Amino acid sequence: MNAQMSKTLGNKNPLEIYFGCENITNDFQKDAIIASEAPFGQYFDASLIWGSITGRMFYAGLRYRIK
């Protein structure tokens, strides 16, 4: 689950301030690749990734538009 909020300031050359969060619930797959220590082994499988492999991430920034 992700969310982002933004606020636009000004009319002629608007400045936009935004912030957000990705993976709000912090739910992730701990071992993304099965048997990664043996890439030529019988049980190696990189196709079983069912979810995010990174945890919660916050971000913020500015956007300036020139018309």
Foldseek 3Di string as FASTA:
>chain_A
DKDKDKDWDDDQWIKIKMKIKDQVVQDADAPQWPPPVCCPDPRTDNPPGDDHHDGMDIDIDMDIGHD
